[in-house]
Amino acid sequence: MARILISMPDDFLDKVDGIANDEQRTRSELVREALRNYIKRSRIANPQKAVDNAKILDELLD
């Protein structure tokens, strides 16, 4: 499996880690699932729907 390096603000990473901890899984598992969901949504016939869904996900992480 390939490894990647990404940068994100500390407060955002704290939220990601909090969710991963609450769900008893690793940060990597959570990020992989989020990206899978993003890819699925980006293939929606209605691109505006994908944008709306991304905003909802962003609000949930805020």
PDB file of N, CA and C in Angstrom:
ATOM      1  N   MET A   1       0.858  -1.173   0.000  1.00  0.00           N
ATOM      2  CA  MET A   1       0.000   0.000   0.000  1.00  0.00           C
ATOM      3  C   MET A   1       0.901   1.231   0.000  1.00  0.00           C
ATOM      4  N   ALA A   2       0.560   2.187  -0.857  1.00  0.00           N
ATOM      5  CA  ALA A   2       1.322   3.431  -0.941  1.00  0.00           C
ATOM      6  C   ALA A   2       1.008   4.328   0.253  1.00  0.00           C
ATOM      7  N   ARG A   3       1.969   5.157   0.598  1.00  0.00           N
ATOM      8  CA  ARG A   3       1.777   6.141   1.664  1.00  0.00           C
ATOM      9  C   ARG A   3       1.855   7.526   1.048  1.00  0.00           C
ATOM     10  N   ILE A   4       1.069   8.436   1.601  1.00  0.00           N
ATOM     11  CA  ILE A   4       1.093   9.821   1.139  1.00  0.00           C
ATOM     12  C   ILE A   4       1.277  10.730   2.343  1.00  0.00           C
ATOM     13  N   LEU A   5       1.674  11.927   2.092  1.00  0.00           N
ATOM     14  CA  LEU A   5       1.843  12.930   3.132  1.00  0.00           C
ATOM     15  C   LEU A   5       0.943  14.109   2.788  1.00  0.00           C
ATOM     16  N   ILE A   6       0.085  14.489   3.707  1.00  0.00           N
ATOM     17  CA  ILE A   6      -0.779  15.650   3.476  1.00  0.00           C
ATOM     18  C   ILE A   6      -0.614  16.613   4.640  1.00  0.00           C
ATOM     19  N   SER A   7      -0.932  17.851   4.387  1.00  0.00           N
ATOM     20  CA  SER A   7      -0.884  18.879   5.424  1.00  0.00           C
ATOM     21  C   SER A   7      -2.291  19.371   5.689  1.00  0.00           C
ATOM     22  N   MET A   8      -2.588  19.637   6.962  1.00  0.00           N
ATOM     23  CA  MET A   8      -3.874  20.207   7.329  1.00  0.00           C
ATOM     24  C   MET A   8      -3.693  20.985   8.617  1.00  0.00           C
ATOM     25  N   PRO A   9      -4.572  21.947   8.857  1.00  0.00           N
ATOM     26  CA  PRO A   9      -4.476  22.728  10.092  1.00  0.00           C
ATOM     27  C   PRO A   9      -4.628  21.818  11.322  1.00  0.00           C
ATOM     28  N   ASP A  10      -3.926  22.186  12.384  1.00  0.00           N
ATOM     29  CA  ASP A  10      -3.952  21.385  13.610  1.00  0.00           C
ATOM     30  C   ASP A  10      -5.361  21.180  14.143  1.00  0.00           C
ATOM     31  N   ASP A  11      -6.189  22.231  14.107  1.00  0.00           N
ATOM     32  CA  ASP A  11      -7.537  22.091  14.661  1.00  0.00           C
ATOM     33  C   ASP A  11      -8.385  21.127  13.831  1.00  0.00           C
ATOM     34  N   PHE A  12      -8.167  21.100  12.519  1.00  0.00           N
ATOM     35  CA  PHE A  12      -8.889  20.151  11.671  1.00  0.00           C
ATOM     36  C   PHE A  12      -8.434  18.724  11.962  1.00  0.00           C
ATOM     37  N   LEU A  13      -7.138  18.536  12.107  1.00  0.00           N
ATOM     38  CA  LEU A  13      -6.603  17.213  12.421  1.00  0.00           C
ATOM     39  C   LEU A  13      -7.123  16.730  13.775  1.00  0.00           C
ATOM     40  N   ASP A  14      -7.254  17.633  14.731  1.00  0.00           N
ATOM     41  CA  ASP A  14      -7.826  17.268  16.035  1.00  0.00           C
ATOM     42  C   ASP A  14      -9.249  16.737  15.873  1.00  0.00           C
ATOM     43  N   LYS A  15     -10.032  17.359  14.981  1.00  0.00           N
ATOM     44  CA  LYS A  15     -11.404  16.893  14.728  1.00  0.00           C
ATOM     45  C   LYS A  15     -11.399  15.520  14.079  1.00  0.00           C
ATOM     46  N   VAL A  16     -10.520  15.344  13.099  1.00  0.00           N
ATOM     47  CA  VAL A  16     -10.403  14.046  12.429  1.00  0.00           C
ATOM     48  C   VAL A  16     -10.033  12.969  13.440  1.00  0.00           C
ATOM     49  N   ASP A  17      -9.047  13.256  14.266  1.00  0.00           N
ATOM     50  CA  ASP A  17      -8.622  12.285  15.269  1.00  0.00           C
ATOM     51  C   ASP A  17      -9.726  11.999  16.286  1.00  0.00           C
ATOM     52  N   GLY A  18     -10.496  13.017  16.639  1.00  0.00           N
ATOM     53  CA  GLY A  18     -11.603  12.816  17.573  1.00  0.00           C
ATOM     54  C   GLY A  18     -12.653  11.877  17.001  1.00  0.00           C
ATOM     55  N   ILE A  19     -12.986  12.066  15.731  1.00  0.00           N
ATOM     56  CA  ILE A  19     -13.963  11.189  15.080  1.00  0.00           C
ATOM     57  C   ILE A  19     -13.411   9.769  14.992  1.00  0.00           C
ATOM     58  N   ALA A  20     -12.158   9.637  14.574  1.00  0.00           N
ATOM     59  CA  ALA A  20     -11.544   8.308  14.471  1.00  0.00           C
ATOM     60  C   ALA A  20     -11.545   7.613  15.831  1.00  0.00           C
ATOM     61  N   ASN A  21     -11.217   8.350  16.861  1.00  0.00           N
ATOM     62  CA  ASN A  21     -11.197   7.789  18.210  1.00  0.00           C
ATOM     63  C   ASN A  21     -12.600   7.362  18.645  1.00  0.00           C
ATOM     64  N   ASP A  22     -13.589   8.217  18.392  1.00  0.00           N
ATOM     65  CA  ASP A  22     -14.975   7.893  18.757  1.00  0.00           C
ATOM     66  C   ASP A  22     -15.458   6.633  18.045  1.00  0.00           C
ATOM     67  N   GLU A  23     -15.002   6.441  16.816  1.00  0.00           N
ATOM     68  CA  GLU A  23     -15.427   5.294  16.016  1.00  0.00           C
ATOM     69  C   GLU A  23     -14.478   4.108  16.150  1.00  0.00           C
ATOM     70  N   GLN A  24     -13.477   4.249  17.008  1.00  0.00           N
ATOM     71  CA  GLN A  24     -12.495   3.196  17.294  1.00  0.00           C
ATOM     72  C   GLN A  24     -11.839   2.651  16.020  1.00  0.00           C
ATOM     73  N   ARG A  25     -11.331   3.572  15.224  1.00  0.00           N
ATOM     74  CA  ARG A  25     -10.585   3.177  14.040  1.00  0.00           C
ATOM     75  C   ARG A  25      -9.439   4.138  13.829  1.00  0.00           C
ATOM     76  N   THR A  26      -8.571   3.806  12.899  1.00  0.00           N
ATOM     77  CA  THR A  26      -7.395   4.635  12.683  1.00  0.00           C
ATOM     78  C   THR A  26      -7.742   5.864  11.839  1.00  0.00           C
ATOM     79  N   ARG A  27      -6.879   6.818  11.938  1.00  0.00           N
ATOM     80  CA  ARG A  27      -6.998   8.025  11.114  1.00  0.00           C
ATOM     81  C   ARG A  27      -6.996   7.638   9.636  1.00  0.00           C
ATOM     82  N   SER A  28      -6.104   6.733   9.264  1.00  0.00           N
ATOM     83  CA  SER A  28      -6.016   6.305   7.861  1.00  0.00           C
ATOM     84  C   SER A  28      -7.316   5.684   7.381  1.00  0.00           C
ATOM     85  N   GLU A  29      -7.928   4.835   8.204  1.00  0.00           N
ATOM     86  CA  GLU A  29      -9.201   4.224   7.815  1.00  0.00           C
ATOM     87  C   GLU A  29     -10.269   5.287   7.582  1.00  0.00           C
ATOM     88  N   LEU A  30     -10.323   6.266   8.470  1.00  0.00           N
ATOM     89  CA  LEU A  30     -11.315   7.332   8.351  1.00  0.00           C
ATOM     90  C   LEU A  30     -11.092   8.153   7.079  1.00  0.00           C
ATOM     91  N   VAL A  31      -9.857   8.513   6.809  1.00  0.00           N
ATOM     92  CA  VAL A  31      -9.545   9.315   5.627  1.00  0.00           C
ATOM     93  C   VAL A  31      -9.828   8.527   4.351  1.00  0.00           C
ATOM     94  N   ARG A  32      -9.475   7.228   4.330  1.00  0.00           N
ATOM     95  CA  ARG A  32      -9.774   6.412   3.157  1.00  0.00           C
ATOM     96  C   ARG A  32     -11.275   6.368   2.883  1.00  0.00           C
ATOM     97  N   GLU A  33     -12.065   6.163   3.940  1.00  0.00           N
ATOM     98  CA  GLU A  33     -13.518   6.117   3.758  1.00  0.00           C
ATOM     99  C   GLU A  33     -14.056   7.452   3.262  1.00  0.00           C
ATOM    100  N   ALA A  34     -13.564   8.540   3.827  1.00  0.00           N
ATOM    101  CA  ALA A  34     -14.019   9.868   3.391  1.00  0.00           C
ATOM    102  C   ALA A  34     -13.696  10.088   1.913  1.00  0.00           C
ATOM    103  N   LEU A  35     -12.516   9.681   1.486  1.00  0.00           N
ATOM    104  CA  LEU A  35     -12.151   9.855   0.083  1.00  0.00           C
ATOM    105  C   LEU A  35     -12.956   8.939  -0.830  1.00  0.00           C
ATOM    106  N   ARG A  36     -13.229   7.711  -0.382  1.00  0.00           N
ATOM    107  CA  ARG A  36     -14.098   6.823  -1.178  1.00  0.00           C
ATOM    108  C   ARG A  36     -15.464   7.463  -1.382  1.00  0.00           C
ATOM    109  N   ASN A  37     -16.024   7.996  -0.298  1.00  0.00           N
ATOM    110  CA  ASN A  37     -17.333   8.644  -0.392  1.00  0.00           C
ATOM    111  C   ASN A  37     -17.280   9.862  -1.302  1.00  0.00           C
ATOM    112  N   TYR A  38     -16.219  10.622  -1.217  1.00  0.00           N
ATOM    113  CA  TYR A  38     -16.071  11.800  -2.078  1.00  0.00           C
ATOM    114  C   TYR A  38     -16.028  11.384  -3.548  1.00  0.00           C
ATOM    115  N   ILE A  39     -15.258  10.332  -3.844  1.00  0.00           N
ATOM    116  CA  ILE A  39     -15.150   9.856  -5.232  1.00  0.00           C
ATOM    117  C   ILE A  39     -16.512   9.397  -5.739  1.00  0.00           C
ATOM    118  N   LYS A  40     -17.242   8.648  -4.930  1.00  0.00           N
ATOM    119  CA  LYS A  40     -18.577   8.200  -5.333  1.00  0.00           C
ATOM    120  C   LYS A  40     -19.485   9.394  -5.605  1.00  0.00           C
ATOM    121  N   ARG A  41     -19.463  10.368  -4.721  1.00  0.00           N
ATOM    122  CA  ARG A  41     -20.329  11.536  -4.880  1.00  0.00           C
ATOM    123  C   ARG A  41     -19.928  12.388  -6.071  1.00  0.00           C
ATOM    124  N   SER A  42     -18.640  12.426  -6.366  1.00  0.00           N
ATOM    125  CA  SER A  42     -18.193  13.263  -7.486  1.00  0.00           C
ATOM    126  C   SER A  42     -18.620  12.675  -8.819  1.00  0.00           C
ATOM    127  N   ARG A  43     -19.013  11.408  -8.834  1.00  0.00           N
ATOM    128  CA  ARG A  43     -19.477  10.766 -10.066  1.00  0.00           C
ATOM    129  C   ARG A  43     -20.977  10.920 -10.275  1.00  0.00           C
ATOM    130  N   ILE A  44     -21.624  11.618  -9.394  1.00  0.00           N
ATOM    131  CA  ILE A  44     -23.061  11.850  -9.513  1.00  0.00           C
ATOM    132  C   ILE A  44     -23.325  12.652 -10.785  1.00  0.00           C
ATOM    133  N   ALA A  45     -24.410  12.308 -11.463  1.00  0.00           N
ATOM    134  CA  ALA A  45     -24.742  12.986 -12.720  1.00  0.00           C
ATOM    135  C   ALA A  45     -24.938  14.487 -12.521  1.00  0.00           C
ATOM    136  N   ASN A  46     -25.421  14.880 -11.356  1.00  0.00           N
ATOM    137  CA  ASN A  46     -25.659  16.283 -11.063  1.00  0.00           C
ATOM    138  C   ASN A  46     -24.483  16.820 -10.249  1.00  0.00           C
ATOM    139  N   PRO A  47     -23.551  17.543 -10.879  1.00  0.00           N
ATOM    140  CA  PRO A  47     -22.380  18.031 -10.151  1.00  0.00           C
ATOM    141  C   PRO A  47     -22.746  18.959  -8.977  1.00  0.00           C
ATOM    142  N   GLN A  48     -23.841  19.703  -9.096  1.00  0.00           N
ATOM    143  CA  GLN A  48     -24.233  20.583  -8.003  1.00  0.00           C
ATOM    144  C   GLN A  48     -24.570  19.765  -6.765  1.00  0.00           C
ATOM    145  N   LYS A  49     -25.146  18.593  -6.957  1.00  0.00           N
ATOM    146  CA  LYS A  49     -25.468  17.702  -5.841  1.00  0.00           C
ATOM    147  C   LYS A  49     -24.186  17.297  -5.113  1.00  0.00           C
ATOM    148  N   ALA A  50     -23.119  17.007  -5.862  1.00  0.00           N
ATOM    149  CA  ALA A  50     -21.840  16.653  -5.255  1.00  0.00           C
ATOM    150  C   ALA A  50     -21.296  17.821  -4.435  1.00  0.00           C
ATOM    151  N   VAL A  51     -21.435  19.029  -4.953  1.00  0.00           N
ATOM    152  CA  VAL A  51     -20.980  20.214  -4.228  1.00  0.00           C
ATOM    153  C   VAL A  51     -21.792  20.391  -2.947  1.00  0.00           C
ATOM    154  N   ASP A  52     -23.104  20.235  -3.054  1.00  0.00           N
ATOM    155  CA  ASP A  52     -23.962  20.360  -1.879  1.00  0.00           C
ATOM    156  C   ASP A  52     -23.599  19.323  -0.822  1.00  0.00           C
ATOM    157  N   ASN A  53     -23.350  18.092  -1.249  1.00  0.00           N
ATOM    158  CA  ASN A  53     -22.974  17.035  -0.307  1.00  0.00           C
ATOM    159  C   ASN A  53     -21.622  17.326   0.350  1.00  0.00           C
ATOM    160  N   ALA A  54     -20.697  17.849  -0.416  1.00  0.00           N
ATOM    161  CA  ALA A  54     -19.393  18.201   0.142  1.00  0.00           C
ATOM    162  C   ALA A  54     -19.540  19.282   1.204  1.00  0.00           C
ATOM    163  N   LYS A  55     -20.439  20.243   0.974  1.00  0.00           N
ATOM    164  CA  LYS A  55     -20.677  21.298   1.973  1.00  0.00           C
ATOM    165  C   LYS A  55     -21.265  20.713   3.249  1.00  0.00           C
ATOM    166  N   ILE A  56     -22.175  19.766   3.101  1.00  0.00           N
ATOM    167  CA  ILE A  56     -22.770  19.119   4.275  1.00  0.00           C
ATOM    168  C   ILE A  56     -21.687  18.401   5.076  1.00  0.00           C
ATOM    169  N   LEU A  57     -20.822  17.659   4.387  1.00  0.00           N
ATOM    170  CA  LEU A  57     -19.739  16.954   5.065  1.00  0.00           C
ATOM    171  C   LEU A  57     -18.803  17.935   5.751  1.00  0.00           C
ATOM    172  N   ASP A  58     -18.498  19.032   5.079  1.00  0.00           N
ATOM    173  CA  ASP A  58     -17.634  20.049   5.668  1.00  0.00           C
ATOM    174  C   ASP A  58     -18.254  20.628   6.937  1.00  0.00           C
ATOM    175  N   GLU A  59     -19.552  20.880   6.911  1.00  0.00           N
ATOM    176  CA  GLU A  59     -20.245  21.414   8.088  1.00  0.00           C
ATOM    177  C   GLU A  59     -20.237  20.423   9.253  1.00  0.00           C
ATOM    178  N   LEU A  60     -20.330  19.139   8.940  1.00  0.00           N
ATOM    179  CA  LEU A  60     -20.303  18.123   9.987  1.00  0.00           C
ATOM    180  C   LEU A  60     -18.941  18.088  10.680  1.00  0.00           C
ATOM    181  N   LEU A  61     -17.876  18.398   9.924  1.00  0.00           N
ATOM    182  CA  LEU A  61     -16.536  18.384  10.492  1.00  0.00           C
ATOM    183  C   LEU A  61     -16.195  19.686  11.213  1.00  0.00           C
ATOM    184  N   ASP A  62     -16.985  20.715  11.016  1.00  0.00           N
ATOM    185  CA  ASP A  62     -16.717  22.006  11.693  1.00  0.00           C
ATOM    186  C   ASP A  62     -17.142  21.991  13.108  1.00  0.00           C
TER     187      ASP A  62
END
